[in-house]
């Protein structure tokens, strides 16, 4: 059975896309129809379930995933931070504190970071780099619910900024500050 390419595609497609589709069409015509399905595959097989083995396999996968997740959250396999700094609460959040671990820059130019915070009210926050003591650029957003851990990154030249801060998105009010870099 031959199918007329121009009738199927119509006049809507032109140029390089039309040529690409024509090559695919011609290749399908040369390949011909697929072979018939073997009789052994026509009827579905009944698979005996082995719940205990599946349960053990699921448990092993869960343990491996938890280990791998901890490995990543802990700074990509136990790599030591390039530097760590303490952040203290300001007038608006005196009871808040945080620790920021900044890991070595990656091949793409990002500084991976892991931050542990406590003392902030529940809500959405942003880690920023500051210039002249004011929020300048974002390192990412995170949600706080009690003691919180967040994985962020800074795709910037850190030496061009003078500190780190935590703010509410869109607000210039600094809630946590590191002081200088």
N, C-alpha and C. Protein backbone atom coordinates (compact mmCIF):
# COMPACT_ATOMS: atom_id res chain seq x y z
N UNK A 1 0.85 -1.17 0.00
CA UNK A 1 0.00 0.00 0.00
C UNK A 1 0.90 1.23 0.00
N UNK A 2 0.66 2.12 -0.91
CA UNK A 2 1.45 3.33 -1.02
C UNK A 2 0.62 4.51 -0.54
N UNK A 3 1.26 5.36 0.27
CA UNK A 3 0.59 6.54 0.82
C UNK A 3 1.20 7.77 0.16
N UNK A 4 0.34 8.65 -0.35
CA UNK A 4 0.81 9.87 -1.00
C UNK A 4 1.25 10.88 0.07
N UNK A 5 2.56 11.13 0.12
CA UNK A 5 3.14 12.03 1.12
C UNK A 5 2.49 13.40 1.08
N UNK A 6 2.36 13.98 -0.10
CA UNK A 6 1.81 15.33 -0.22
C UNK A 6 0.36 15.40 0.26
N UNK A 7 -0.38 14.33 0.09
CA UNK A 7 -1.77 14.30 0.55
C UNK A 7 -1.83 14.24 2.07
N UNK A 8 -0.92 13.48 2.70
CA UNK A 8 -0.92 13.33 4.15
C UNK A 8 -0.45 14.61 4.82
N UNK A 9 0.64 15.22 4.35
CA UNK A 9 1.23 16.40 4.98
C UNK A 9 0.49 17.67 4.60
N UNK A 10 0.06 17.77 3.38
CA UNK A 10 -0.64 18.97 2.94
C UNK A 10 0.34 20.10 2.64
N UNK A 11 -0.19 21.32 2.53
CA UNK A 11 0.64 22.48 2.19
C UNK A 11 1.07 23.28 3.42
N UNK A 12 0.67 22.83 4.62
CA UNK A 12 0.97 23.59 5.84
C UNK A 12 2.44 23.54 6.24
N UNK A 13 3.13 22.49 5.85
CA UNK A 13 4.52 22.31 6.27
C UNK A 13 5.43 22.54 5.07
N UNK A 14 6.47 23.34 5.29
CA UNK A 14 7.38 23.62 4.18
C UNK A 14 8.82 23.62 4.65
N UNK A 15 9.71 23.87 3.74
CA UNK A 15 11.12 24.05 4.04
C UNK A 15 11.80 22.81 4.60
N UNK A 16 12.68 23.03 5.57
CA UNK A 16 13.50 21.97 6.15
C UNK A 16 12.63 20.94 6.87
N UNK A 17 11.55 21.38 7.51
CA UNK A 17 10.68 20.46 8.23
C UNK A 17 10.01 19.50 7.25
N UNK A 18 9.59 20.00 6.11
CA UNK A 18 8.96 19.15 5.09
C UNK A 18 9.95 18.12 4.58
N UNK A 19 11.20 18.54 4.36
CA UNK A 19 12.22 17.62 3.88
C UNK A 19 12.52 16.54 4.92
N UNK A 20 12.57 16.93 6.19
CA UNK A 20 12.81 15.96 7.27
C UNK A 20 11.68 14.93 7.33
N UNK A 21 10.45 15.40 7.22
CA UNK A 21 9.30 14.48 7.24
C UNK A 21 9.29 13.57 6.01
N UNK A 22 9.70 14.11 4.85
CA UNK A 22 9.74 13.28 3.63
C UNK A 22 10.75 12.15 3.79
N UNK A 23 11.92 12.45 4.38
CA UNK A 23 12.93 11.40 4.59
C UNK A 23 12.40 10.32 5.52
N UNK A 24 11.71 10.72 6.58
CA UNK A 24 11.14 9.75 7.51
C UNK A 24 10.07 8.92 6.83
N UNK A 25 9.24 9.55 6.01
CA UNK A 25 8.19 8.86 5.27
C UNK A 25 8.80 7.83 4.32
N UNK A 26 9.82 8.23 3.58
CA UNK A 26 10.47 7.32 2.64
C UNK A 26 11.12 6.14 3.37
N UNK A 27 11.72 6.40 4.53
CA UNK A 27 12.35 5.33 5.30
C UNK A 27 11.31 4.32 5.78
N UNK A 28 10.14 4.80 6.20
CA UNK A 28 9.08 3.90 6.63
C UNK A 28 8.56 3.05 5.47
N UNK A 29 8.48 3.63 4.30
CA UNK A 29 8.03 2.87 3.14
C UNK A 29 9.03 1.78 2.78
N UNK A 30 10.32 2.09 2.86
CA UNK A 30 11.36 1.10 2.56
C UNK A 30 11.33 -0.03 3.60
N UNK A 31 11.14 0.30 4.87
CA UNK A 31 11.14 -0.69 5.94
C UNK A 31 9.96 -1.65 5.82
N UNK A 32 8.85 -1.18 5.31
CA UNK A 32 7.68 -2.04 5.17
C UNK A 32 6.94 -2.23 6.48
N UNK A 33 5.87 -3.02 6.43
CA UNK A 33 5.07 -3.22 7.64
C UNK A 33 5.83 -4.08 8.66
N UNK A 34 5.46 -3.95 9.93
CA UNK A 34 6.12 -4.76 10.95
C UNK A 34 5.72 -6.23 10.80
N UNK A 35 6.55 -7.14 11.30
CA UNK A 35 6.21 -8.56 11.20
C UNK A 35 5.00 -8.87 12.07
N UNK A 36 4.39 -10.00 11.81
CA UNK A 36 3.25 -10.43 12.60
C UNK A 36 3.69 -10.74 14.03
N UNK A 37 2.80 -10.53 14.99
CA UNK A 37 3.08 -10.82 16.38
C UNK A 37 3.15 -12.33 16.57
N UNK A 38 4.22 -12.83 17.19
CA UNK A 38 4.30 -14.29 17.42
C UNK A 38 3.14 -14.76 18.29
N UNK A 39 2.69 -15.95 18.03
CA UNK A 39 1.54 -16.51 18.75
C UNK A 39 1.79 -16.56 20.26
N UNK A 40 3.02 -16.79 20.67
CA UNK A 40 3.35 -16.86 22.09
C UNK A 40 3.17 -15.54 22.83
N UNK A 41 3.16 -14.45 22.09
CA UNK A 41 2.98 -13.14 22.72
C UNK A 41 1.55 -12.63 22.60
N UNK A 42 0.73 -13.33 21.84
CA UNK A 42 -0.64 -12.88 21.61
C UNK A 42 -1.48 -12.96 22.88
N UNK A 43 -1.25 -13.96 23.72
CA UNK A 43 -2.00 -14.12 24.96
C UNK A 43 -1.14 -13.65 26.13
N UNK A 44 -1.68 -12.84 27.01
CA UNK A 44 -0.89 -12.37 28.16
C UNK A 44 -0.57 -13.53 29.10
N UNK A 45 0.63 -13.51 29.65
CA UNK A 45 1.04 -14.53 30.61
C UNK A 45 0.56 -14.15 32.00
N UNK A 46 0.33 -15.14 32.80
CA UNK A 46 -0.01 -14.90 34.19
C UNK A 46 1.30 -14.88 34.97
N UNK A 47 1.53 -13.80 35.66
CA UNK A 47 2.76 -13.65 36.43
C UNK A 47 2.43 -13.98 37.88
N UNK A 48 3.16 -14.94 38.42
CA UNK A 48 2.97 -15.26 39.82
C UNK A 48 3.62 -14.18 40.66
N UNK A 49 2.88 -13.66 41.56
CA UNK A 49 3.40 -12.60 42.42
C UNK A 49 4.12 -13.23 43.60
N UNK A 50 5.20 -12.61 43.95
CA UNK A 50 5.94 -13.05 45.11
C UNK A 50 6.06 -11.85 46.04
N UNK A 51 5.03 -11.63 46.86
CA UNK A 51 4.97 -10.41 47.67
C UNK A 51 6.19 -10.22 48.57
N UNK A 52 6.68 -11.28 49.15
CA UNK A 52 7.81 -11.12 50.06
C UNK A 52 9.04 -10.59 49.33
N UNK A 53 9.34 -11.14 48.18
CA UNK A 53 10.50 -10.67 47.40
C UNK A 53 10.31 -9.23 46.96
N UNK A 54 9.11 -8.90 46.53
CA UNK A 54 8.83 -7.52 46.11
C UNK A 54 8.95 -6.56 47.29
N UNK A 55 8.50 -6.98 48.45
CA UNK A 55 8.60 -6.14 49.64
C UNK A 55 10.06 -5.91 50.01
N UNK A 56 10.87 -6.97 49.96
CA UNK A 56 12.29 -6.83 50.26
C UNK A 56 12.98 -5.92 49.24
N UNK A 57 12.63 -6.07 47.97
CA UNK A 57 13.21 -5.23 46.93
C UNK A 57 12.82 -3.76 47.15
N UNK A 58 11.55 -3.52 47.47
CA UNK A 58 11.09 -2.15 47.72
C UNK A 58 11.82 -1.55 48.93
N UNK A 59 12.03 -2.34 49.97
CA UNK A 59 12.75 -1.85 51.15
C UNK A 59 14.19 -1.51 50.79
N UNK A 60 14.84 -2.35 50.00
CA UNK A 60 16.22 -2.09 49.61
C UNK A 60 16.32 -0.82 48.77
N UNK A 61 15.37 -0.61 47.87
CA UNK A 61 15.36 0.60 47.05
C UNK A 61 15.14 1.83 47.93
N UNK A 62 14.24 1.74 48.91
CA UNK A 62 13.98 2.87 49.80
C UNK A 62 15.22 3.21 50.62
N UNK A 63 15.92 2.20 51.11
CA UNK A 63 17.13 2.45 51.89
C UNK A 63 18.19 3.09 51.02
N UNK A 64 18.36 2.59 49.79
CA UNK A 64 19.35 3.17 48.88
C UNK A 64 18.99 4.61 48.54
N UNK A 65 17.70 4.89 48.33
CA UNK A 65 17.28 6.26 48.00
C UNK A 65 17.53 7.19 49.18
N UNK A 66 17.25 6.73 50.40
CA UNK A 66 17.50 7.56 51.58
C UNK A 66 18.99 7.85 51.74
N UNK A 67 19.80 6.83 51.53
CA UNK A 67 21.25 7.02 51.63
C UNK A 67 21.73 8.02 50.59
N UNK A 68 21.29 7.84 49.34
CA UNK A 68 21.72 8.72 48.26
C UNK A 68 21.23 10.15 48.49
N UNK A 69 19.99 10.30 48.98
CA UNK A 69 19.47 11.64 49.27
C UNK A 69 20.27 12.32 50.35
N UNK A 70 20.63 11.59 51.40
CA UNK A 70 21.46 12.15 52.45
C UNK A 70 22.85 12.51 51.96
N UNK A 71 23.36 11.67 51.07
CA UNK A 71 24.67 11.91 50.48
C UNK A 71 24.67 13.22 49.71
N UNK A 72 23.61 13.44 48.91
CA UNK A 72 23.51 14.68 48.14
C UNK A 72 23.28 15.88 49.05
N UNK A 73 22.37 15.74 50.01
CA UNK A 73 22.07 16.86 50.90
C UNK A 73 23.26 17.22 51.77
N UNK A 74 24.11 16.26 52.04
CA UNK A 74 25.27 16.52 52.88
C UNK A 74 26.43 17.13 52.13
N UNK A 75 26.19 17.66 50.95
CA UNK A 75 27.26 18.34 50.22
C UNK A 75 27.91 17.47 49.18
N UNK A 76 27.11 16.74 48.42
CA UNK A 76 27.61 15.95 47.30
C UNK A 76 28.67 14.96 47.72
N UNK A 77 28.26 14.03 48.55
CA UNK A 77 29.11 12.91 48.85
C UNK A 77 30.14 13.17 49.91
N UNK A 78 29.85 14.04 50.84
CA UNK A 78 30.76 14.25 51.94
C UNK A 78 31.85 15.25 51.65
N UNK A 79 31.78 15.95 50.53
CA UNK A 79 32.77 16.99 50.26
C UNK A 79 32.68 18.04 51.35
N UNK A 80 33.82 18.53 51.76
CA UNK A 80 33.84 19.56 52.79
C UNK A 80 33.42 20.90 52.18
N UNK A 81 32.71 21.71 52.96
CA UNK A 81 32.35 23.04 52.45
C UNK A 81 33.61 23.86 52.16
N UNK A 82 33.52 24.72 51.16
CA UNK A 82 34.60 25.65 50.87
C UNK A 82 34.70 26.63 52.04
N UNK A 83 33.53 27.06 52.56
CA UNK A 83 33.47 27.85 53.77
C UNK A 83 32.08 27.76 54.37
N UNK A 84 31.98 28.05 55.64
CA UNK A 84 30.71 28.06 56.37
C UNK A 84 30.60 29.39 57.09
N UNK A 85 29.37 29.83 57.28
CA UNK A 85 29.19 31.06 58.04
C UNK A 85 27.91 30.99 58.85
N UNK A 86 27.92 31.70 59.95
CA UNK A 86 26.75 31.78 60.82
C UNK A 86 25.96 33.02 60.45
N UNK A 87 24.64 32.90 60.50
CA UNK A 87 23.77 34.04 60.24
C UNK A 87 22.97 34.30 61.52
N UNK A 88 22.79 35.57 61.84
CA UNK A 88 22.07 35.94 63.05
C UNK A 88 20.82 36.74 62.68
N UNK A 89 19.82 36.64 63.55
CA UNK A 89 18.57 37.36 63.33
C UNK A 89 18.75 38.84 63.54
N UNK A 90 18.00 39.62 62.81
CA UNK A 90 18.02 41.08 62.95
C UNK A 90 16.83 41.51 63.80
N UNK A 91 16.60 42.79 63.91
CA UNK A 91 15.52 43.33 64.73
C UNK A 91 14.17 42.69 64.44
N UNK A 92 13.90 42.37 63.20
CA UNK A 92 12.60 41.81 62.83
C UNK A 92 12.49 40.33 63.17
N UNK A 93 13.62 39.66 63.42
CA UNK A 93 13.61 38.22 63.70
C UNK A 93 14.78 37.85 64.61
N UNK A 94 14.85 38.50 65.75
CA UNK A 94 15.99 38.33 66.68
C UNK A 94 16.24 36.88 67.09
N UNK A 95 15.19 36.08 67.20
CA UNK A 95 15.34 34.69 67.65
C UNK A 95 15.83 33.76 66.54
N UNK A 96 15.91 34.25 65.33
CA UNK A 96 16.29 33.40 64.20
C UNK A 96 17.80 33.25 64.11
N UNK A 97 18.22 32.10 63.57
CA UNK A 97 19.64 31.87 63.30
C UNK A 97 19.75 30.87 62.16
N UNK A 98 20.93 30.84 61.54
CA UNK A 98 21.15 29.91 60.43
C UNK A 98 22.63 29.64 60.29
N UNK A 99 22.93 28.51 59.68
CA UNK A 99 24.28 28.17 59.28
C UNK A 99 24.24 27.93 57.77
N UNK A 100 25.16 28.54 57.06
CA UNK A 100 25.22 28.39 55.61
C UNK A 100 26.56 27.75 55.25
N UNK A 101 26.50 26.57 54.62
CA UNK A 101 27.69 25.88 54.13
C UNK A 101 27.75 26.10 52.62
N UNK A 102 28.85 26.66 52.15
CA UNK A 102 29.04 26.92 50.73
C UNK A 102 30.12 25.96 50.23
N UNK A 103 29.76 25.14 49.25
CA UNK A 103 30.65 24.12 48.73
C UNK A 103 31.45 24.64 47.55
N UNK A 104 32.53 23.96 47.18
CA UNK A 104 33.35 24.44 46.06
C UNK A 104 32.54 24.65 44.79
N UNK A 105 32.94 25.64 44.03
CA UNK A 105 32.25 25.98 42.79
C UNK A 105 32.28 24.78 41.84
N UNK A 106 31.15 24.56 41.14
CA UNK A 106 31.11 23.43 40.20
C UNK A 106 31.56 23.86 38.81
N UNK A 107 31.59 22.90 37.88
CA UNK A 107 32.10 23.18 36.54
C UNK A 107 31.25 24.18 35.77
N UNK A 108 30.01 24.38 36.18
CA UNK A 108 29.13 25.34 35.51
C UNK A 108 29.25 26.75 36.11
N UNK A 109 30.00 26.89 37.21
CA UNK A 109 30.16 28.20 37.83
C UNK A 109 29.19 28.47 38.96
N UNK A 110 28.51 27.43 39.47
CA UNK A 110 27.57 27.58 40.58
C UNK A 110 28.24 27.18 41.89
N UNK A 111 27.92 27.90 42.96
CA UNK A 111 28.37 27.56 44.30
C UNK A 111 27.23 26.82 44.99
N UNK A 112 27.27 25.49 45.11
CA UNK A 112 26.20 24.77 45.83
C UNK A 112 26.24 25.15 47.31
N UNK A 113 25.05 25.23 47.93
CA UNK A 113 24.97 25.65 49.33
C UNK A 113 23.94 24.81 50.07
N UNK A 114 24.18 24.64 51.35
CA UNK A 114 23.22 23.97 52.23
C UNK A 114 23.04 24.87 53.45
N UNK A 115 21.79 25.22 53.73
CA UNK A 115 21.50 26.13 54.84
C UNK A 115 20.56 25.45 55.83
N UNK A 116 20.88 25.58 57.12
CA UNK A 116 20.02 25.09 58.19
C UNK A 116 19.57 26.31 58.98
N UNK A 117 18.23 26.45 59.14
CA UNK A 117 17.66 27.65 59.80
C UNK A 117 16.73 27.24 60.92
N UNK A 118 16.60 28.13 61.88
CA UNK A 118 15.58 27.96 62.92
C UNK A 118 15.18 29.34 63.42
N UNK A 119 13.99 29.40 64.01
CA UNK A 119 13.53 30.63 64.64
C UNK A 119 12.75 31.57 63.74
N UNK A 120 12.57 31.25 62.47
CA UNK A 120 11.76 32.09 61.59
C UNK A 120 10.32 31.59 61.59
N UNK A 121 9.35 32.49 61.49
CA UNK A 121 7.96 32.04 61.35
C UNK A 121 7.78 31.27 60.05
N UNK A 122 6.79 30.39 60.02
CA UNK A 122 6.51 29.64 58.80
C UNK A 122 6.27 30.61 57.66
N UNK A 123 6.73 30.22 56.47
CA UNK A 123 6.50 31.05 55.30
C UNK A 123 7.57 30.84 54.25
N UNK A 124 7.51 31.68 53.23
CA UNK A 124 8.41 31.62 52.09
C UNK A 124 9.49 32.69 52.27
N UNK A 125 10.74 32.29 52.04
CA UNK A 125 11.87 33.19 52.22
C UNK A 125 12.82 33.06 51.04
N UNK A 126 13.78 33.98 51.00
CA UNK A 126 14.76 34.02 49.92
C UNK A 126 16.14 34.30 50.52
N UNK A 127 17.13 33.55 50.04
CA UNK A 127 18.51 33.84 50.41
C UNK A 127 19.08 34.76 49.34
N UNK A 128 19.69 35.87 49.77
CA UNK A 128 20.23 36.84 48.82
C UNK A 128 21.67 37.19 49.18
N UNK A 129 22.41 37.62 48.19
CA UNK A 129 23.70 38.25 48.42
C UNK A 129 23.44 39.74 48.54
N UNK A 130 24.22 40.42 49.38
CA UNK A 130 24.01 41.85 49.58
C UNK A 130 25.17 42.66 49.01
N UNK A 131 24.84 43.88 48.66
CA UNK A 131 25.84 44.85 48.22
C UNK A 131 25.51 46.14 48.96
N UNK A 132 26.50 46.69 49.61
CA UNK A 132 26.30 47.88 50.44
C UNK A 132 25.22 47.63 51.49
N UNK A 133 25.14 46.38 51.99
CA UNK A 133 24.19 46.04 53.03
C UNK A 133 22.75 45.89 52.58
N UNK A 134 22.49 45.93 51.27
CA UNK A 134 21.13 45.80 50.75
C UNK A 134 21.03 44.56 49.87
N UNK A 135 19.86 43.90 49.83
CA UNK A 135 19.69 42.73 48.96
C UNK A 135 20.03 43.09 47.51
N UNK A 136 20.85 42.24 46.87
CA UNK A 136 21.28 42.53 45.50
C UNK A 136 20.83 41.45 44.51
N UNK A 137 21.17 40.18 44.79
CA UNK A 137 20.83 39.09 43.88
C UNK A 137 20.35 37.87 44.67
N UNK A 138 19.48 37.08 44.05
CA UNK A 138 18.88 35.92 44.72
C UNK A 138 19.73 34.67 44.55
N UNK A 139 19.78 33.88 45.62
CA UNK A 139 20.41 32.56 45.58
C UNK A 139 19.35 31.46 45.69
N UNK A 140 18.09 31.84 45.71
CA UNK A 140 17.01 30.85 45.73
C UNK A 140 15.99 31.09 46.83
N UNK A 141 14.88 30.39 46.69
CA UNK A 141 13.75 30.50 47.60
C UNK A 141 13.59 29.21 48.38
N UNK A 142 12.98 29.29 49.55
CA UNK A 142 12.74 28.10 50.35
C UNK A 142 11.56 28.36 51.28
N UNK A 143 10.96 27.29 51.75
CA UNK A 143 9.85 27.38 52.70
C UNK A 143 10.36 27.00 54.08
N UNK A 144 9.88 27.71 55.09
CA UNK A 144 10.26 27.43 56.47
C UNK A 144 9.07 26.81 57.19
N UNK A 145 9.37 25.73 57.91
CA UNK A 145 8.39 25.08 58.79
C UNK A 145 9.20 24.50 59.94
N UNK A 146 9.32 25.26 61.02
CA UNK A 146 10.15 24.82 62.14
C UNK A 146 11.62 24.91 61.75
N UNK A 147 12.42 23.97 62.27
CA UNK A 147 13.82 23.91 61.85
C UNK A 147 13.83 23.44 60.41
N UNK A 148 14.51 24.17 59.55
CA UNK A 148 14.44 23.93 58.11
C UNK A 148 15.83 23.78 57.52
N UNK A 149 15.94 22.91 56.52
CA UNK A 149 17.16 22.78 55.74
C UNK A 149 16.81 23.10 54.30
N UNK A 150 17.68 23.84 53.63
CA UNK A 150 17.44 24.22 52.24
C UNK A 150 18.71 24.03 51.43
N UNK A 151 18.54 23.55 50.21
CA UNK A 151 19.65 23.41 49.28
C UNK A 151 19.49 24.50 48.23
N UNK A 152 20.51 25.32 48.07
CA UNK A 152 20.44 26.49 47.19
C UNK A 152 21.72 26.56 46.37
N UNK A 153 21.85 27.60 45.54
CA UNK A 153 23.12 27.82 44.85
C UNK A 153 23.28 29.28 44.50
N UNK A 154 24.53 29.67 44.33
CA UNK A 154 24.86 31.05 43.97
C UNK A 154 25.65 31.03 42.66
N UNK A 155 25.04 31.44 41.56
CA UNK A 155 25.75 31.46 40.29
C UNK A 155 26.43 32.80 40.03
N UNK A 156 27.14 33.31 41.03
CA UNK A 156 27.72 34.64 40.95
C UNK A 156 29.19 34.62 41.38
N UNK A 157 29.90 35.68 41.09
CA UNK A 157 31.24 35.89 41.62
C UNK A 157 31.06 36.46 43.01
N UNK A 158 31.29 35.63 44.02
CA UNK A 158 30.95 36.01 45.39
C UNK A 158 31.70 37.23 45.89
N UNK A 159 32.92 37.44 45.45
CA UNK A 159 33.73 38.55 45.95
C UNK A 159 33.18 39.92 45.55
N UNK A 160 32.22 39.96 44.63
CA UNK A 160 31.64 41.24 44.23
C UNK A 160 30.49 41.66 45.15
N UNK A 161 30.21 40.85 46.19
CA UNK A 161 29.14 41.15 47.15
C UNK A 161 29.75 41.24 48.54
N UNK A 162 29.02 41.86 49.46
CA UNK A 162 29.60 42.07 50.79
C UNK A 162 28.95 41.26 51.90
N UNK A 163 27.94 40.45 51.62
CA UNK A 163 27.32 39.64 52.66
C UNK A 163 26.19 38.79 52.13
N UNK A 164 25.57 38.07 53.07
CA UNK A 164 24.43 37.20 52.79
C UNK A 164 23.29 37.63 53.68
N UNK A 165 22.05 37.44 53.20
CA UNK A 165 20.89 37.79 54.01
C UNK A 165 19.71 36.91 53.65
N UNK A 166 18.78 36.79 54.58
CA UNK A 166 17.51 36.12 54.32
C UNK A 166 16.43 37.19 54.41
N UNK A 167 15.58 37.22 53.39
CA UNK A 167 14.48 38.20 53.32
C UNK A 167 13.20 37.48 52.92
N UNK A 168 12.09 38.15 53.06
CA UNK A 168 10.85 37.67 52.45
C UNK A 168 10.89 38.13 51.00
N UNK A 169 10.46 37.28 50.06
CA UNK A 169 10.51 37.68 48.65
C UNK A 169 9.83 39.03 48.40
N UNK A 170 10.53 39.90 47.70
CA UNK A 170 10.00 41.20 47.36
C UNK A 170 10.17 42.26 48.44
N UNK A 171 10.71 41.86 49.58
CA UNK A 171 10.88 42.82 50.68
C UNK A 171 12.36 43.12 50.87
N UNK A 172 12.71 44.37 51.07
CA UNK A 172 14.11 44.70 51.33
C UNK A 172 14.52 44.50 52.78
N UNK A 173 13.56 44.17 53.68
CA UNK A 173 13.86 44.03 55.10
C UNK A 173 14.64 42.74 55.35
N UNK A 174 15.84 42.87 55.89
CA UNK A 174 16.71 41.73 56.17
C UNK A 174 16.31 41.11 57.50
N UNK A 175 16.03 39.79 57.47
CA UNK A 175 15.63 39.07 58.68
C UNK A 175 16.80 38.32 59.31
N UNK A 176 17.72 37.81 58.48
CA UNK A 176 18.92 37.14 58.94
C UNK A 176 20.09 37.73 58.15
N UNK A 177 21.22 37.89 58.81
CA UNK A 177 22.38 38.49 58.14
C UNK A 177 23.65 37.75 58.55
N UNK A 178 24.60 37.69 57.59
CA UNK A 178 25.88 37.07 57.89
C UNK A 178 26.95 38.10 58.17
N UNK A 179 26.66 39.34 57.88
CA UNK A 179 27.71 40.35 57.92
C UNK A 179 28.51 40.24 56.63
N UNK A 180 29.80 40.24 56.71
CA UNK A 180 30.63 40.20 55.51
C UNK A 180 30.85 38.79 55.00
N UNK A 181 31.21 38.68 53.73
CA UNK A 181 31.54 37.39 53.12
C UNK A 181 32.91 36.96 53.60
